[in-house]
Amino acid sequence: MQLSATLAHRMNSAIFGEGAIAEEQSLDQARTLDRFLAGVEKRAFQIARMAVRDAEDALDIVQDAMLQLARRYADRPSEQWKPLFYRILQNRIRDCQRRRMVRNRLFGWLPGPAADEESGDPYAMTPDEGQGPAERVMTGEAMDSLERALQALPARQLQAFLLRNMEGMDVAETALAMGCTEGSVKTHYSRAVHALRARLGEVWGEGR
């Protein structure tokens, strides 16, 4: 499933206006943006799904973040898109979490569990192209343990860890994406690493 393919027309319309004849330079920028979004969409979905723990909500978050980047920052230099996109993504994740908190406060008194429909992972049937050795190792029970350990992290630690490791962003880019100082990124990341090592050491040590 390619989010960028389904959104290409809407994004180009948002940038140039319906029926407008764009100059070649603008078209090149739009093509570059589309390639960028195609390259980050799967990792962005994984980050959002881990944060909100719901595939459908995660899909909506990623789609909205992609559209917002196209509408607001398409004319920016391409090297600025990555931190800008992930900052928008994190803002959308926090918005989703806040809405859930409000909903839980409003309806938490109702008896019985909420009836959520099961939704499949939209990437479950997508071949994982270009998978590296580390990604191939992290499968099965090991990946399940990692996901549970990640979900137990505080939100800011989770953000710092995922942006630094899954997306390979440096400290400065991560700080821009998270809207905080570089010192805060280092602190959140360090605490996340220590917590994950402790948690995974306990879990994986039991299986040896």
Protein backbone atom coordinates (compact mmCIF):
# COMPACT_ATOMS: atom_id res chain seq x y z
CA MET A 1 0.00 0.00 0.00
CA GLN A 2 1.42 3.35 -1.05
CA LEU A 3 0.05 6.34 0.83
CA SER A 4 1.95 8.80 -1.35
CA ALA A 5 0.41 7.38 -4.52
CA THR A 6 -3.12 7.84 -3.23
CA LEU A 7 -2.37 11.36 -1.98
CA ALA A 8 -0.35 12.64 -4.95
CA HIS A 9 -3.24 14.39 -6.69
CA ARG A 10 -4.52 16.01 -3.48
CA MET A 11 -1.05 17.21 -2.49
CA ASN A 12 -0.29 18.66 -5.91
CA SER A 13 -3.65 20.41 -5.93
CA ALA A 14 -2.93 21.88 -2.49
CA ILE A 15 0.44 23.18 -3.70
CA PHE A 16 -0.40 24.48 -7.16
CA GLY A 17 -4.19 24.89 -7.30
CA GLU A 18 -6.61 22.76 -9.29
CA GLY A 19 -6.01 22.92 -13.02
CA ALA A 20 -2.97 25.19 -12.73
CA ILE A 21 -0.11 24.81 -15.20
CA ALA A 22 3.01 24.63 -13.02
CA GLU A 23 6.45 25.57 -14.18
CA GLU A 24 8.96 22.76 -14.64
CA GLN A 25 10.88 23.75 -11.53
CA SER A 26 7.74 23.47 -9.41
CA LEU A 27 6.91 20.12 -10.95
CA ASP A 28 10.40 18.87 -10.12
CA GLN A 29 9.89 20.00 -6.52
CA ALA A 30 6.57 18.15 -6.38
CA ARG A 31 8.17 14.97 -7.73
CA THR A 32 10.97 15.26 -5.19
CA LEU A 33 8.43 15.69 -2.41
CA ASP A 34 6.49 12.66 -3.57
CA ARG A 35 9.67 10.55 -3.55
CA PHE A 36 10.48 11.81 -0.03
CA LEU A 37 7.04 10.86 1.26
CA ALA A 38 7.22 7.45 -0.40
CA GLY A 39 10.51 6.88 1.40
CA VAL A 40 9.31 7.76 4.90
CA GLU A 41 5.71 6.60 4.92
CA LYS A 42 6.27 3.05 6.20
CA ARG A 43 8.61 4.05 9.03
CA ALA A 44 6.28 6.92 9.94
CA PHE A 45 3.38 4.48 10.13
CA GLN A 46 5.36 2.16 12.40
CA ILE A 47 6.24 5.05 14.71
CA ALA A 48 2.63 6.23 14.85
CA ARG A 49 1.27 2.71 15.40
CA MET A 50 3.65 2.10 18.30
CA ALA A 51 2.67 5.43 19.85
CA VAL A 52 -1.13 5.17 19.50
CA ARG A 53 -1.40 1.35 19.35
CA ASP A 54 -4.07 1.43 16.66
CA ALA A 55 -3.43 0.83 12.96
CA GLU A 56 -6.37 2.89 11.70
CA ASP A 57 -5.53 5.90 13.86
CA ALA A 58 -1.88 5.60 12.85
CA LEU A 59 -2.82 5.59 9.17
CA ASP A 60 -4.91 8.75 9.62
CA ILE A 61 -2.05 10.43 11.50
CA VAL A 62 0.48 9.67 8.75
CA GLN A 63 -1.86 10.78 5.96
CA ASP A 64 -2.56 14.06 7.76
CA ALA A 65 1.13 14.68 8.43
CA MET A 66 1.96 14.11 4.76
CA LEU A 67 -0.76 16.49 3.59
CA GLN A 68 0.30 19.15 6.09
CA LEU A 69 3.91 18.95 4.93
CA ALA A 70 2.83 19.31 1.31
CA ARG A 71 0.51 22.24 2.00
CA ARG A 72 2.78 24.21 4.32
CA TYR A 73 6.36 23.32 3.48
CA ALA A 74 6.53 22.01 -0.09
CA ASP A 75 8.51 25.09 -1.15
CA ARG A 76 11.14 24.59 1.55
CA PRO A 77 14.54 23.08 0.65
CA SER A 78 14.25 19.29 0.58
CA GLU A 79 16.83 18.82 3.35
CA GLN A 80 14.40 20.52 5.75
CA TRP A 81 11.52 18.16 5.03
CA LYS A 82 12.60 15.28 7.27
CA PRO A 83 12.67 17.14 10.63
CA LEU A 84 9.61 19.17 9.64
CA PHE A 85 7.66 16.05 8.71
CA TYR A 86 8.51 14.26 11.93
CA ARG A 87 7.64 17.30 13.99
CA ILE A 88 4.22 17.40 12.32
CA LEU A 89 3.89 13.65 12.86
CA GLN A 90 4.68 13.93 16.57
CA ASN A 91 2.20 16.81 16.92
CA ARG A 92 -0.51 14.68 15.29
CA ILE A 93 0.34 11.76 17.59
CA ARG A 94 0.01 14.02 20.64
CA ASP A 95 -3.29 15.38 19.30
CA CYS A 96 -4.60 11.82 18.96
CA GLN A 97 -3.46 10.94 22.47
CA ARG A 98 -5.07 14.08 23.91
CA ARG A 99 -8.36 13.28 22.19
CA ARG A 100 -8.26 9.80 23.67
CA MET A 101 -7.64 11.19 27.14
CA VAL A 102 -10.63 13.52 26.81
CA ARG A 103 -12.79 10.70 25.48
CA ASN A 104 -11.72 8.39 28.30
CA ARG A 105 -12.57 11.04 30.89
CA LEU A 106 -15.97 11.62 29.33
CA PHE A 107 -16.95 7.98 28.81
CA GLY A 108 -14.77 6.16 31.33
CA TRP A 109 -17.73 5.77 33.71
CA LEU A 110 -19.63 3.57 31.23
CA PRO A 111 -19.70 -0.11 32.23
CA GLY A 112 -17.73 -2.69 30.27
CA PRO A 113 -14.78 -2.33 27.86
CA ALA A 114 -14.95 -0.17 24.77
CA ALA A 115 -15.99 -2.12 21.70
CA ASP A 116 -13.24 -1.47 19.19
CA GLU A 117 -13.43 -3.11 15.80
CA GLU A 118 -10.44 -5.18 14.84
CA SER A 119 -8.41 -3.56 12.12
CA GLY A 120 -5.64 -5.18 10.16
CA ASP A 121 -2.19 -3.76 9.71
CA PRO A 122 -2.22 -2.02 6.30
CA TYR A 123 1.42 -2.95 5.83
CA ALA A 124 1.06 -6.59 6.85
CA MET A 125 0.79 -7.73 3.23
CA THR A 126 3.45 -5.36 1.91
CA PRO A 127 6.82 -6.95 1.06
CA ASP A 128 9.60 -5.53 3.22
CA GLU A 129 12.06 -4.41 0.57
CA GLY A 130 15.61 -3.54 1.40
CA GLN A 131 15.52 -5.19 4.81
CA GLY A 132 18.88 -5.01 6.54
CA PRO A 133 20.53 -7.69 8.73
CA ALA A 134 19.48 -6.00 11.99
CA GLU A 135 15.85 -5.80 10.82
CA ARG A 136 15.86 -9.48 9.80
CA VAL A 137 17.08 -10.48 13.26
CA MET A 138 14.34 -8.48 15.00
CA THR A 139 11.49 -10.84 14.16
CA GLY A 140 9.08 -13.05 16.04
CA GLU A 141 9.29 -13.07 19.82
CA ALA A 142 12.27 -10.69 19.89
CA MET A 143 10.35 -8.03 17.97
CA ASP A 144 7.28 -8.54 20.16
CA SER A 145 9.41 -8.04 23.27
CA LEU A 146 10.96 -4.90 21.79
CA GLU A 147 7.56 -3.42 20.91
CA ARG A 148 6.25 -4.08 24.41
CA ALA A 149 9.35 -2.49 25.92
CA LEU A 150 9.03 0.54 23.63
CA GLN A 151 5.37 0.99 24.50
CA ALA A 152 6.27 1.06 28.17
CA LEU A 153 8.53 4.08 27.67
CA PRO A 154 7.31 7.60 28.49
CA ALA A 155 6.18 9.43 25.35
CA ARG A 156 9.19 11.74 24.99
CA GLN A 157 11.68 8.91 25.52
CA LEU A 158 9.85 6.86 22.89
CA GLN A 159 9.94 9.74 20.42
CA ALA A 160 13.65 10.34 20.91
CA PHE A 161 14.51 6.65 20.60
CA LEU A 162 12.45 6.03 17.46
CA LEU A 163 13.60 9.16 15.64
CA ARG A 164 17.26 8.51 16.44
CA ASN A 165 17.21 4.79 15.69
CA MET A 166 14.45 4.03 13.20
CA GLU A 167 14.86 7.20 11.19
CA GLY A 168 18.59 7.75 11.77
CA MET A 169 18.13 11.43 12.61
CA ASP A 170 20.94 13.25 14.39
CA VAL A 171 20.51 15.14 17.66
CA ALA A 172 19.82 18.49 15.98
CA GLU A 173 17.20 17.06 13.60
CA THR A 174 15.54 15.16 16.44
CA ALA A 175 15.41 18.30 18.57
CA LEU A 176 13.69 20.18 15.73
CA ALA A 177 11.23 17.34 15.17
CA MET A 178 10.40 17.08 18.88
CA GLY A 179 10.34 20.85 19.48
CA CYS A 180 12.87 20.73 22.31
CA THR A 181 16.56 21.40 22.99
CA GLU A 182 19.39 19.11 21.93
CA GLY A 183 20.18 18.56 25.60
CA SER A 184 16.65 17.31 26.18
CA VAL A 185 16.97 14.91 23.25
CA LYS A 186 20.17 13.47 24.72
CA THR A 187 18.54 13.06 28.12
CA HIS A 188 15.39 11.41 26.76
CA TYR A 189 17.42 9.14 24.50
CA SER A 190 19.84 8.09 27.24
CA ARG A 191 17.01 7.25 29.63
CA ALA A 192 15.21 5.29 26.91
CA VAL A 193 18.31 3.24 26.12
CA HIS A 194 18.91 2.42 29.79
CA ALA A 195 15.25 1.45 30.31
CA LEU A 196 15.19 -0.74 27.20
CA ARG A 197 18.43 -2.48 28.12
CA ALA A 198 17.12 -3.24 31.59
CA ARG A 199 13.74 -4.44 30.31
CA LEU A 200 15.01 -6.50 27.38
CA GLY A 201 17.83 -7.92 29.48
CA GLU A 202 15.22 -9.29 31.88
CA VAL A 203 12.92 -10.61 29.15
CA TRP A 204 15.54 -12.13 26.86
CA GLY A 205 17.59 -13.39 29.80
CA GLU A 206 14.64 -15.52 30.92
CA GLY A 207 14.60 -17.34 27.64
CA ARG A 208 18.24 -18.38 27.74
